Amino acid sequence: SDETVALLESAILLWHDHLDEAHGICQR
């Protein structure tokens, strides 16, 4: 689902030290 893809992207961004970008996705 689009939501699952967004959660995966957020987790991957977090793993790669992109905290602000990850936060923006998962907060929505």
mmCIF file of all heavy atoms, coordinates in Angstrom:
data_MODEL
# 
_entry.id   MODEL 
# 
loop_
_atom_site.group_PDB 
_atom_site.id 
_atom_site.type_symbol 
_atom_site.label_atom_id 
_atom_site.label_alt_id 
_atom_site.label_comp_id 
_atom_site.label_asym_id 
_atom_site.label_entity_id 
_atom_site.label_seq_id 
_atom_site.pdbx_PDB_ins_code 
_atom_site.Cartn_x 
_atom_site.Cartn_y 
_atom_site.Cartn_z 
_atom_site.occupancy 
_atom_site.B_iso_or_equiv 
_atom_site.pdbx_formal_charge 
_atom_site.auth_seq_id 
_atom_site.auth_comp_id 
_atom_site.auth_asym_id 
_atom_site.auth_atom_id 
_atom_site.pdbx_PDB_model_num 
ATOM 1   N N   . SER A 1 1  ? 0.846  -1.196 0.000  1.00 0.00 ? 1  SER A N   1 
ATOM 2   C CA  . SER A 1 1  ? 0.000  0.000  0.000  1.00 0.00 ? 1  SER A CA  1 
ATOM 3   C C   . SER A 1 1  ? 0.877  1.240  0.000  1.00 0.00 ? 1  SER A C   1 
ATOM 4   O O   . SER A 1 1  ? 2.064  1.190  0.351  1.00 0.00 ? 1  SER A O   1 
ATOM 5   C CB  . SER A 1 1  ? -0.899 0.001  1.243  1.00 0.00 ? 1  SER A CB  1 
ATOM 6   O OG  . SER A 1 1  ? -0.121 0.224  2.409  1.00 0.00 ? 1  SER A OG  1 
ATOM 7   N N   . ASP A 1 2  ? 0.307  2.358  -0.374 1.00 0.00 ? 2  ASP A N   1 
ATOM 8   C CA  . ASP A 1 2  ? 1.034  3.633  -0.355 1.00 0.00 ? 2  ASP A CA  1 
ATOM 9   C C   . ASP A 1 2  ? 1.543  3.939  1.053  1.00 0.00 ? 2  ASP A C   1 
ATOM 10  O O   . ASP A 1 2  ? 2.644  4.453  1.229  1.00 0.00 ? 2  ASP A O   1 
ATOM 11  C CB  . ASP A 1 2  ? 0.154  4.773  -0.844 1.00 0.00 ? 2  ASP A CB  1 
ATOM 12  C CG  . ASP A 1 2  ? -0.148 4.694  -2.331 1.00 0.00 ? 2  ASP A CG  1 
ATOM 13  O OD1 . ASP A 1 2  ? 0.559  3.951  -3.051 1.00 0.00 ? 2  ASP A OD1 1 
ATOM 14  O OD2 . ASP A 1 2  ? -1.089 5.381  -2.769 1.00 0.00 ? 2  ASP A OD2 1 
ATOM 15  N N   . GLU A 1 3  ? 0.736  3.612  2.045  1.00 0.00 ? 3  GLU A N   1 
ATOM 16  C CA  . GLU A 1 3  ? 1.123  3.849  3.434  1.00 0.00 ? 3  GLU A CA  1 
ATOM 17  C C   . GLU A 1 3  ? 2.327  2.993  3.830  1.00 0.00 ? 3  GLU A C   1 
ATOM 18  O O   . GLU A 1 3  ? 3.260  3.472  4.475  1.00 0.00 ? 3  GLU A O   1 
ATOM 19  C CB  . GLU A 1 3  ? -0.063 3.537  4.345  1.00 0.00 ? 3  GLU A CB  1 
ATOM 20  C CG  . GLU A 1 3  ? 0.182  3.839  5.793  1.00 0.00 ? 3  GLU A CG  1 
ATOM 21  C CD  . GLU A 1 3  ? -1.067 3.583  6.593  1.00 0.00 ? 3  GLU A CD  1 
ATOM 22  O OE1 . GLU A 1 3  ? -1.926 4.484  6.639  1.00 0.00 ? 3  GLU A OE1 1 
ATOM 23  O OE2 . GLU A 1 3  ? -1.169 2.474  7.163  1.00 0.00 ? 3  GLU A OE2 1 
ATOM 24  N N   . THR A 1 4  ? 2.333  1.739  3.420  1.00 0.00 ? 4  THR A N   1 
ATOM 25  C CA  . THR A 1 4  ? 3.454  0.850  3.718  1.00 0.00 ? 4  THR A CA  1 
ATOM 26  C C   . THR A 1 4  ? 4.725  1.350  3.043  1.00 0.00 ? 4  THR A C   1 
ATOM 27  O O   . THR A 1 4  ? 5.799  1.364  3.653  1.00 0.00 ? 4  THR A O   1 
ATOM 28  C CB  . THR A 1 4  ? 3.141  -0.588 3.284  1.00 0.00 ? 4  THR A CB  1 
ATOM 29  O OG1 . THR A 1 4  ? 1.998  -1.043 4.016  1.00 0.00 ? 4  THR A OG1 1 
ATOM 30  C CG2 . THR A 1 4  ? 4.314  -1.523 3.533  1.00 0.00 ? 4  THR A CG2 1 
ATOM 31  N N   . VAL A 1 5  ? 4.611  1.786  1.820  1.00 0.00 ? 5  VAL A N   1 
ATOM 32  C CA  . VAL A 1 5  ? 5.765  2.325  1.095  1.00 0.00 ? 5  VAL A CA  1 
ATOM 33  C C   . VAL A 1 5  ? 6.295  3.559  1.829  1.00 0.00 ? 5  VAL A C   1 
ATOM 34  O O   . VAL A 1 5  ? 7.507  3.723  1.995  1.00 0.00 ? 5  VAL A O   1 
ATOM 35  C CB  . VAL A 1 5  ? 5.397  2.652  -0.364 1.00 0.00 ? 5  VAL A CB  1 
ATOM 36  C CG1 . VAL A 1 5  ? 6.522  3.411  -1.055 1.00 0.00 ? 5  VAL A CG1 1 
ATOM 37  C CG2 . VAL A 1 5  ? 5.070  1.381  -1.129 1.00 0.00 ? 5  VAL A CG2 1 
ATOM 38  N N   . ALA A 1 6  ? 5.401  4.425  2.294  1.00 0.00 ? 6  ALA A N   1 
ATOM 39  C CA  . ALA A 1 6  ? 5.827  5.624  3.023  1.00 0.00 ? 6  ALA A CA  1 
ATOM 40  C C   . ALA A 1 6  ? 6.532  5.243  4.325  1.00 0.00 ? 6  ALA A C   1 
ATOM 41  O O   . ALA A 1 6  ? 7.552  5.853  4.683  1.00 0.00 ? 6  ALA A O   1 
ATOM 42  C CB  . ALA A 1 6  ? 4.620  6.515  3.310  1.00 0.00 ? 6  ALA A CB  1 
ATOM 43  N N   . LEU A 1 7  ? 6.025  4.247  5.031  1.00 0.00 ? 7  LEU A N   1 
ATOM 44  C CA  . LEU A 1 7  ? 6.669  3.809  6.262  1.00 0.00 ? 7  LEU A CA  1 
ATOM 45  C C   . LEU A 1 7  ? 8.049  3.214  5.986  1.00 0.00 ? 7  LEU A C   1 
ATOM 46  O O   . LEU A 1 7  ? 9.000  3.469  6.719  1.00 0.00 ? 7  LEU A O   1 
ATOM 47  C CB  . LEU A 1 7  ? 5.793  2.784  6.993  1.00 0.00 ? 7  LEU A CB  1 
ATOM 48  C CG  . LEU A 1 7  ? 4.562  3.353  7.675  1.00 0.00 ? 7  LEU A CG  1 
ATOM 49  C CD1 . LEU A 1 7  ? 3.617  2.234  8.097  1.00 0.00 ? 7  LEU A CD1 1 
ATOM 50  C CD2 . LEU A 1 7  ? 4.967  4.202  8.872  1.00 0.00 ? 7  LEU A CD2 1 
ATOM 51  N N   . LEU A 1 8  ? 8.160  2.428  4.927  1.00 0.00 ? 8  LEU A N   1 
ATOM 52  C CA  . LEU A 1 8  ? 9.466  1.884  4.549  1.00 0.00 ? 8  LEU A CA  1 
ATOM 53  C C   . LEU A 1 8  ? 10.439 3.003  4.210  1.00 0.00 ? 8  LEU A C   1 
ATOM 54  O O   . LEU A 1 8  ? 11.597 2.991  4.636  1.00 0.00 ? 8  LEU A O   1 
ATOM 55  C CB  . LEU A 1 8  ? 9.318  0.937  3.352  1.00 0.00 ? 8  LEU A CB  1 
ATOM 56  C CG  . LEU A 1 8  ? 8.726  -0.427 3.648  1.00 0.00 ? 8  LEU A CG  1 
ATOM 57  C CD1 . LEU A 1 8  ? 8.382  -1.150 2.346  1.00 0.00 ? 8  LEU A CD1 1 
ATOM 58  C CD2 . LEU A 1 8  ? 9.693  -1.254 4.470  1.00 0.00 ? 8  LEU A CD2 1 
ATOM 59  N N   . GLU A 1 9  ? 9.983  3.968  3.440  1.00 0.00 ? 9  GLU A N   1 
ATOM 60  C CA  . GLU A 1 9  ? 10.847 5.087  3.075  1.00 0.00 ? 9  GLU A CA  1 
ATOM 61  C C   . GLU A 1 9  ? 11.292 5.851  4.321  1.00 0.00 ? 9  GLU A C   1 
ATOM 62  O O   . GLU A 1 9  ? 12.462 6.216  4.454  1.00 0.00 ? 9  GLU A O   1 
ATOM 63  C CB  . GLU A 1 9  ? 10.160 6.027  2.096  1.00 0.00 ? 9  GLU A CB  1 
ATOM 64  C CG  . GLU A 1 9  ? 11.051 7.151  1.654  1.00 0.00 ? 9  GLU A CG  1 
ATOM 65  C CD  . GLU A 1 9  ? 10.458 7.998  0.553  1.00 0.00 ? 9  GLU A CD  1 
ATOM 66  O OE1 . GLU A 1 9  ? 9.295  7.792  0.158  1.00 0.00 ? 9  GLU A OE1 1 
ATOM 67  O OE2 . GLU A 1 9  ? 11.181 8.883  0.071  1.00 0.00 ? 9  GLU A OE2 1 
ATOM 68  N N   . SER A 1 10 ? 10.378 6.075  5.240  1.00 0.00 ? 10 SER A N   1 
ATOM 69  C CA  . SER A 1 10 ? 10.711 6.785  6.461  1.00 0.00 ? 10 SER A CA  1 
ATOM 70  C C   . SER A 1 10 ? 11.770 6.027  7.260  1.00 0.00 ? 10 SER A C   1 
ATOM 71  O O   . SER A 1 10 ? 12.744 6.617  7.736  1.00 0.00 ? 10 SER A O   1 
ATOM 72  C CB  . SER A 1 10 ? 9.446  6.978  7.304  1.00 0.00 ? 10 SER A CB  1 
ATOM 73  O OG  . SER A 1 10 ? 9.733  7.683  8.482  1.00 0.00 ? 10 SER A OG  1 
ATOM 74  N N   . ALA A 1 11 ? 11.615 4.714  7.389  1.00 0.00 ? 11 ALA A N   1 
ATOM 75  C CA  . ALA A 1 11 ? 12.583 3.906  8.134  1.00 0.00 ? 11 ALA A CA  1 
ATOM 76  C C   . ALA A 1 11 ? 13.945 3.905  7.444  1.00 0.00 ? 11 ALA A C   1 
ATOM 77  O O   . ALA A 1 11 ? 14.991 3.990  8.109  1.00 0.00 ? 11 ALA A O   1 
ATOM 78  C CB  . ALA A 1 11 ? 12.058 2.489  8.294  1.00 0.00 ? 11 ALA A CB  1 
ATOM 79  N N   . ILE A 1 12 ? 13.948 3.825  6.128  1.00 0.00 ? 12 ILE A N   1 
ATOM 80  C CA  . ILE A 1 12 ? 15.217 3.824  5.385  1.00 0.00 ? 12 ILE A CA  1 
ATOM 81  C C   . ILE A 1 12 ? 15.895 5.187  5.503  1.00 0.00 ? 12 ILE A C   1 
ATOM 82  O O   . ILE A 1 12 ? 17.112 5.277  5.692  1.00 0.00 ? 12 ILE A O   1 
ATOM 83  C CB  . ILE A 1 12 ? 14.983 3.411  3.920  1.00 0.00 ? 12 ILE A CB  1 
ATOM 84  C CG1 . ILE A 1 12 ? 14.553 1.939  3.869  1.00 0.00 ? 12 ILE A CG1 1 
ATOM 85  C CG2 . ILE A 1 12 ? 16.229 3.643  3.074  1.00 0.00 ? 12 ILE A CG2 1 
ATOM 86  C CD1 . ILE A 1 12 ? 13.979 1.500  2.542  1.00 0.00 ? 12 ILE A CD1 1 
ATOM 87  N N   . LEU A 1 13 ? 15.127 6.257  5.415  1.00 0.00 ? 13 LEU A N   1 
ATOM 88  C CA  . LEU A 1 13 ? 15.696 7.595  5.600  1.00 0.00 ? 13 LEU A CA  1 
ATOM 89  C C   . LEU A 1 13 ? 16.306 7.731  6.994  1.00 0.00 ? 13 LEU A C   1 
ATOM 90  O O   . LEU A 1 13 ? 17.394 8.282  7.154  1.00 0.00 ? 13 LEU A O   1 
ATOM 91  C CB  . LEU A 1 13 ? 14.629 8.664  5.382  1.00 0.00 ? 13 LEU A CB  1 
ATOM 92  C CG  . LEU A 1 13 ? 14.226 8.922  3.937  1.00 0.00 ? 13 LEU A CG  1 
ATOM 93  C CD1 . LEU A 1 13 ? 12.922 9.697  3.873  1.00 0.00 ? 13 LEU A CD1 1 
ATOM 94  C CD2 . LEU A 1 13 ? 15.340 9.676  3.201  1.00 0.00 ? 13 LEU A CD2 1 
ATOM 95  N N   . LEU A 1 14 ? 15.610 7.220  7.984  1.00 0.00 ? 14 LEU A N   1 
ATOM 96  C CA  . LEU A 1 14 ? 16.117 7.264  9.351  1.00 0.00 ? 14 LEU A CA  1 
ATOM 97  C C   . LEU A 1 14 ? 17.438 6.509  9.452  1.00 0.00 ? 14 LEU A C   1 
ATOM 98  O O   . LEU A 1 14 ? 18.402 6.992  10.050 1.00 0.00 ? 14 LEU A O   1 
ATOM 99  C CB  . LEU A 1 14 ? 15.080 6.667  10.299 1.00 0.00 ? 14 LEU A CB  1 
ATOM 100 C CG  . LEU A 1 14 ? 15.411 6.658  11.782 1.00 0.00 ? 14 LEU A CG  1 
ATOM 101 C CD1 . LEU A 1 14 ? 15.591 8.077  12.284 1.00 0.00 ? 14 LEU A CD1 1 
ATOM 102 C CD2 . LEU A 1 14 ? 14.307 5.953  12.551 1.00 0.00 ? 14 LEU A CD2 1 
ATOM 103 N N   . TRP A 1 15 ? 17.511 5.330  8.849  1.00 0.00 ? 15 TRP A N   1 
ATOM 104 C CA  . TRP A 1 15 ? 18.733 4.530  8.876  1.00 0.00 ? 15 TRP A CA  1 
ATOM 105 C C   . TRP A 1 15 ? 19.911 5.275  8.238  1.00 0.00 ? 15 TRP A C   1 
ATOM 106 O O   . TRP A 1 15 ? 21.050 5.119  8.646  1.00 0.00 ? 15 TRP A O   1 
ATOM 107 C CB  . TRP A 1 15 ? 18.493 3.209  8.158  1.00 0.00 ? 15 TRP A CB  1 
ATOM 108 C CG  . TRP A 1 15 ? 19.696 2.322  8.171  1.00 0.00 ? 15 TRP A CG  1 
ATOM 109 C CD1 . TRP A 1 15 ? 20.552 2.088  7.128  1.00 0.00 ? 15 TRP A CD1 1 
ATOM 110 C CD2 . TRP A 1 15 ? 20.199 1.571  9.270  1.00 0.00 ? 15 TRP A CD2 1 
ATOM 111 N NE1 . TRP A 1 15 ? 21.548 1.230  7.511  1.00 0.00 ? 15 TRP A NE1 1 
ATOM 112 C CE2 . TRP A 1 15 ? 21.352 0.901  8.840  1.00 0.00 ? 15 TRP A CE2 1 
ATOM 113 C CE3 . TRP A 1 15 ? 19.786 1.408  10.592 1.00 0.00 ? 15 TRP A CE3 1 
ATOM 114 C CZ2 . TRP A 1 15 ? 22.095 0.073  9.666  1.00 0.00 ? 15 TRP A CZ2 1 
ATOM 115 C CZ3 . TRP A 1 15 ? 20.531 0.579  11.416 1.00 0.00 ? 15 TRP A CZ3 1 
ATOM 116 C CH2 . TRP A 1 15 ? 21.663 -0.078 10.941 1.00 0.00 ? 15 TRP A CH2 1 
ATOM 117 N N   . HIS A 1 16 ? 19.613 6.103  7.256  1.00 0.00 ? 16 HIS A N   1 
ATOM 118 C CA  . HIS A 1 16 ? 20.659 6.851  6.557  1.00 0.00 ? 16 HIS A CA  1 
ATOM 119 C C   . HIS A 1 16 ? 20.843 8.254  7.127  1.00 0.00 ? 16 HIS A C   1 
ATOM 120 O O   . HIS A 1 16 ? 21.343 9.149  6.441  1.00 0.00 ? 16 HIS A O   1 
ATOM 121 C CB  . HIS A 1 16 ? 20.355 6.901  5.050  1.00 0.00 ? 16 HIS A CB  1 
ATOM 122 C CG  . HIS A 1 16 ? 20.607 5.591  4.372  1.00 0.00 ? 16 HIS A CG  1 
ATOM 123 N ND1 . HIS A 1 16 ? 21.852 5.217  3.928  1.00 0.00 ? 16 HIS A ND1 1 
ATOM 124 C CD2 . HIS A 1 16 ? 19.779 4.558  4.094  1.00 0.00 ? 16 HIS A CD2 1 
ATOM 125 C CE1 . HIS A 1 16 ? 21.780 4.014  3.384  1.00 0.00 ? 16 HIS A CE1 1 
ATOM 126 N NE2 . HIS A 1 16 ? 20.537 3.596  3.477  1.00 0.00 ? 16 HIS A NE2 1 
ATOM 127 N N   . ASP A 1 17 ? 20.437 8.467  8.365  1.00 0.00 ? 17 ASP A N   1 
ATOM 128 C CA  . ASP A 1 17 ? 20.679 9.703  9.119  1.00 0.00 ? 17 ASP A CA  1 
ATOM 129 C C   . ASP A 1 17 ? 19.909 10.919 8.617  1.00 0.00 ? 17 ASP A C   1 
ATOM 130 O O   . ASP A 1 17 ? 20.290 12.054 8.907  1.00 0.00 ? 17 ASP A O   1 
ATOM 131 C CB  . ASP A 1 17 ? 22.184 10.033 9.157  1.00 0.00 ? 17 ASP A CB  1 
ATOM 132 C CG  . ASP A 1 17 ? 23.021 8.922  9.777  1.00 0.00 ? 17 ASP A CG  1 
ATOM 133 O OD1 . ASP A 1 17 ? 22.488 8.169  10.604 1.00 0.00 ? 17 ASP A OD1 1 
ATOM 134 O OD2 . ASP A 1 17 ? 24.203 8.818  9.420  1.00 0.00 ? 17 ASP A OD2 1 
ATOM 135 N N   . HIS A 1 18 ? 18.817 10.728 7.904  1.00 0.00 ? 18 HIS A N   1 
ATOM 136 C CA  . HIS A 1 18 ? 18.000 11.844 7.422  1.00 0.00 ? 18 HIS A CA  1 
ATOM 137 C C   . HIS A 1 18 ? 16.778 11.967 8.330  1.00 0.00 ? 18 HIS A C   1 
ATOM 138 O O   . HIS A 1 18 ? 15.652 11.630 7.962  1.00 0.00 ? 18 HIS A O   1 
ATOM 139 C CB  . HIS A 1 18 ? 17.596 11.620 5.965  1.00 0.00 ? 18 HIS A CB  1 
ATOM 140 C CG  . HIS A 1 18 ? 18.767 11.439 5.051  1.00 0.00 ? 18 HIS A CG  1 
ATOM 141 N ND1 . HIS A 1 18 ? 19.675 12.458 4.816  1.00 0.00 ? 18 HIS A ND1 1 
ATOM 142 C CD2 . HIS A 1 18 ? 19.193 10.371 4.347  1.00 0.00 ? 18 HIS A CD2 1 
ATOM 143 C CE1 . HIS A 1 18 ? 20.602 12.015 3.978  1.00 0.00 ? 18 HIS A CE1 1 
ATOM 144 N NE2 . HIS A 1 18 ? 20.340 10.753 3.691  1.00 0.00 ? 18 HIS A NE2 1 
ATOM 145 N N   . LEU A 1 19 ? 17.037 12.438 9.555  1.00 0.00 ? 19 LEU A N   1 
ATOM 146 C CA  . LEU A 1 19 ? 16.011 12.442 10.592 1.00 0.00 ? 19 LEU A CA  1 
ATOM 147 C C   . LEU A 1 19 ? 14.826 13.345 10.258 1.00 0.00 ? 19 LEU A C   1 
ATOM 148 O O   . LEU A 1 19 ? 13.674 12.962 10.467 1.00 0.00 ? 19 LEU A O   1 
ATOM 149 C CB  . LEU A 1 19 ? 16.626 12.858 11.928 1.00 0.00 ? 19 LEU A CB  1 
ATOM 150 C CG  . LEU A 1 19 ? 17.848 12.064 12.383 1.00 0.00 ? 19 LEU A CG  1 
ATOM 151 C CD1 . LEU A 1 19 ? 18.339 12.574 13.723 1.00 0.00 ? 19 LEU A CD1 1 
ATOM 152 C CD2 . LEU A 1 19 ? 17.560 10.586 12.429 1.00 0.00 ? 19 LEU A CD2 1 
ATOM 153 N N   . ASP A 1 20 ? 15.083 14.550 9.779  1.00 0.00 ? 20 ASP A N   1 
ATOM 154 C CA  . ASP A 1 20 ? 13.988 15.480 9.488  1.00 0.00 ? 20 ASP A CA  1 
ATOM 155 C C   . ASP A 1 20 ? 13.073 14.938 8.397  1.00 0.00 ? 20 ASP A C   1 
ATOM 156 O O   . ASP A 1 20 ? 11.845 15.024 8.514  1.00 0.00 ? 20 ASP A O   1 
ATOM 157 C CB  . ASP A 1 20 ? 14.525 16.854 9.081  1.00 0.00 ? 20 ASP A CB  1 
ATOM 158 C CG  . ASP A 1 20 ? 15.183 17.592 10.240 1.00 0.00 ? 20 ASP A CG  1 
ATOM 159 O OD1 . ASP A 1 20 ? 14.864 17.273 11.408 1.00 0.00 ? 20 ASP A OD1 1 
ATOM 160 O OD2 . ASP A 1 20 ? 16.004 18.477 9.977  1.00 0.00 ? 20 ASP A OD2 1 
ATOM 161 N N   . GLU A 1 21 ? 13.650 14.392 7.351  1.00 0.00 ? 21 GLU A N   1 
ATOM 162 C CA  . GLU A 1 21 ? 12.855 13.856 6.247  1.00 0.00 ? 21 GLU A CA  1 
ATOM 163 C C   . GLU A 1 21 ? 12.043 12.644 6.702  1.00 0.00 ? 21 GLU A C   1 
ATOM 164 O O   . GLU A 1 21 ? 10.868 12.504 6.366  1.00 0.00 ? 21 GLU A O   1 
ATOM 165 C CB  . GLU A 1 21 ? 13.755 13.480 5.067  1.00 0.00 ? 21 GLU A CB  1 
ATOM 166 C CG  . GLU A 1 21 ? 14.410 14.675 4.398  1.00 0.00 ? 21 GLU A CG  1 
ATOM 167 C CD  . GLU A 1 21 ? 15.685 15.164 5.087  1.00 0.00 ? 21 GLU A CD  1 
ATOM 168 O OE1 . GLU A 1 21 ? 16.056 14.646 6.166  1.00 0.00 ? 21 GLU A OE1 1 
ATOM 169 O OE2 . GLU A 1 21 ? 16.306 16.091 4.542  1.00 0.00 ? 21 GLU A OE2 1 
ATOM 170 N N   . ALA A 1 22 ? 12.660 11.768 7.493  1.00 0.00 ? 22 ALA A N   1 
ATOM 171 C CA  . ALA A 1 22 ? 11.954 10.596 8.016  1.00 0.00 ? 22 ALA A CA  1 
ATOM 172 C C   . ALA A 1 22 ? 10.797 11.023 8.915  1.00 0.00 ? 22 ALA A C   1 
ATOM 173 O O   . ALA A 1 22 ? 9.684  10.490 8.819  1.00 0.00 ? 22 ALA A O   1 
ATOM 174 C CB  . ALA A 1 22 ? 12.920 9.699  8.791  1.00 0.00 ? 22 ALA A CB  1 
ATOM 175 N N   . HIS A 1 23 ? 11.056 12.000 9.756  1.00 0.00 ? 23 HIS A N   1 
ATOM 176 C CA  . HIS A 1 23 ? 10.041 12.503 10.675 1.00 0.00 ? 23 HIS A CA  1 
ATOM 177 C C   . HIS A 1 23 ? 8.845  13.073 9.917  1.00 0.00 ? 23 HIS A C   1 
ATOM 178 O O   . HIS A 1 23 ? 7.693  12.806 10.259 1.00 0.00 ? 23 HIS A O   1 
ATOM 179 C CB  . HIS A 1 23 ? 10.662 13.575 11.579 1.00 0.00 ? 23 HIS A CB  1 
ATOM 180 C CG  . HIS A 1 23 ? 9.710  14.145 12.563 1.00 0.00 ? 23 HIS A CG  1 
ATOM 181 N ND1 . HIS A 1 23 ? 9.139  15.379 12.392 1.00 0.00 ? 23 HIS A ND1 1 
ATOM 182 C CD2 . HIS A 1 23 ? 9.234  13.654 13.717 1.00 0.00 ? 23 HIS A CD2 1 
ATOM 183 C CE1 . HIS A 1 23 ? 8.343  15.626 13.417 1.00 0.00 ? 23 HIS A CE1 1 
ATOM 184 N NE2 . HIS A 1 23 ? 8.385  14.593 14.239 1.00 0.00 ? 23 HIS A NE2 1 
ATOM 185 N N   . GLY A 1 24 ? 9.129  13.836 8.885  1.00 0.00 ? 24 GLY A N   1 
ATOM 186 C CA  . GLY A 1 24 ? 8.046  14.441 8.106  1.00 0.00 ? 24 GLY A CA  1 
ATOM 187 C C   . GLY A 1 24 ? 7.114  13.418 7.480  1.00 0.00 ? 24 GLY A C   1 
ATOM 188 O O   . GLY A 1 24 ? 5.905  13.625 7.398  1.00 0.00 ? 24 GLY A O   1 
ATOM 189 N N   . ILE A 1 25 ? 7.666  12.299 7.054  1.00 0.00 ? 25 ILE A N   1 
ATOM 190 C CA  . ILE A 1 25 ? 6.844  11.255 6.424  1.00 0.00 ? 25 ILE A CA  1 
ATOM 191 C C   . ILE A 1 25 ? 6.020  10.512 7.467  1.00 0.00 ? 25 ILE A C   1 
ATOM 192 O O   . ILE A 1 25 ? 4.805  10.395 7.351  1.00 0.00 ? 25 ILE A O   1 
ATOM 193 C CB  . ILE A 1 25 ? 7.732  10.276 5.632  1.00 0.00 ? 25 ILE A CB  1 
ATOM 194 C CG1 . ILE A 1 25 ? 8.352  10.981 4.428  1.00 0.00 ? 25 ILE A CG1 1 
ATOM 195 C CG2 . ILE A 1 25 ? 6.919  9.051  5.188  1.00 0.00 ? 25 ILE A CG2 1 
ATOM 196 C CD1 . ILE A 1 25 ? 9.408  10.167 3.714  1.00 0.00 ? 25 ILE A CD1 1 
ATOM 197 N N   . CYS A 1 26 ? 6.675  9.993  8.493  1.00 0.00 ? 26 CYS A N   1 
ATOM 198 C CA  . CYS A 1 26 ? 5.945  9.141  9.437  1.00 0.00 ? 26 CYS A CA  1 
ATOM 199 C C   . CYS A 1 26 ? 4.957  9.934  10.289 1.00 0.00 ? 26 CYS A C   1 
ATOM 200 O O   . CYS A 1 26 ? 3.946  9.382  10.732 1.00 0.00 ? 26 CYS A O   1 
ATOM 201 C CB  . CYS A 1 26 ? 6.899  8.330  10.303 1.00 0.00 ? 26 CYS A CB  1 
ATOM 202 S SG  . CYS A 1 26 ? 7.904  9.297  11.436 1.00 0.00 ? 26 CYS A SG  1 
ATOM 203 N N   . GLN A 1 27 ? 5.205  11.205 10.491 1.00 0.00 ? 27 GLN A N   1 
ATOM 204 C CA  . GLN A 1 27 ? 4.288  12.019 11.286 1.00 0.00 ? 27 GLN A CA  1 
ATOM 205 C C   . GLN A 1 27 ? 2.930  12.177 10.592 1.00 0.00 ? 27 GLN A C   1 
ATOM 206 O O   . GLN A 1 27 ? 1.923  12.377 11.244 1.00 0.00 ? 27 GLN A O   1 
ATOM 207 C CB  . GLN A 1 27 ? 4.905  13.383 11.559 1.00 0.00 ? 27 GLN A CB  1 
ATOM 208 C CG  . GLN A 1 27 ? 4.140  14.195 12.569 1.00 0.00 ? 27 GLN A CG  1 
ATOM 209 C CD  . GLN A 1 27 ? 4.881  15.454 12.964 1.00 0.00 ? 27 GLN A CD  1 
ATOM 210 O OE1 . GLN A 1 27 ? 5.776  15.902 12.266 1.00 0.00 ? 27 GLN A OE1 1 
ATOM 211 N NE2 . GLN A 1 27 ? 4.506  16.023 14.077 1.00 0.00 ? 27 GLN A NE2 1 
ATOM 212 N N   . ARG A 1 28 ? 2.903  12.044 9.271  1.00 0.00 ? 28 ARG A N   1 
ATOM 213 C CA  . ARG A 1 28 ? 1.647  12.186 8.527  1.00 0.00 ? 28 ARG A CA  1 
ATOM 214 C C   . ARG A 1 28 ? 0.828  10.897 8.490  1.00 0.00 ? 28 ARG A C   1 
ATOM 215 O O   . ARG A 1 28 ? -0.291 10.898 7.980  1.00 0.00 ? 28 ARG A O   1 
ATOM 216 C CB  . ARG A 1 28 ? 1.940  12.643 7.102  1.00 0.00 ? 28 ARG A CB  1 
ATOM 217 C CG  . ARG A 1 28 ? 2.462  14.062 7.002  1.00 0.00 ? 28 ARG A CG  1 
ATOM 218 C CD  . ARG A 1 28 ? 2.545  14.549 5.559  1.00 0.00 ? 28 ARG A CD  1 
ATOM 219 N NE  . ARG A 1 28 ? 3.497  13.792 4.762  1.00 0.00 ? 28 ARG A NE  1 
ATOM 220 C CZ  . ARG A 1 28 ? 4.770  14.129 4.566  1.00 0.00 ? 28 ARG A CZ  1 
ATOM 221 N NH1 . ARG A 1 28 ? 5.247  15.206 5.130  1.00 0.00 ? 28 ARG A NH1 1 
ATOM 222 N NH2 . ARG A 1 28 ? 5.548  13.397 3.814  1.00 0.00 ? 28 ARG A NH2 1 
# 
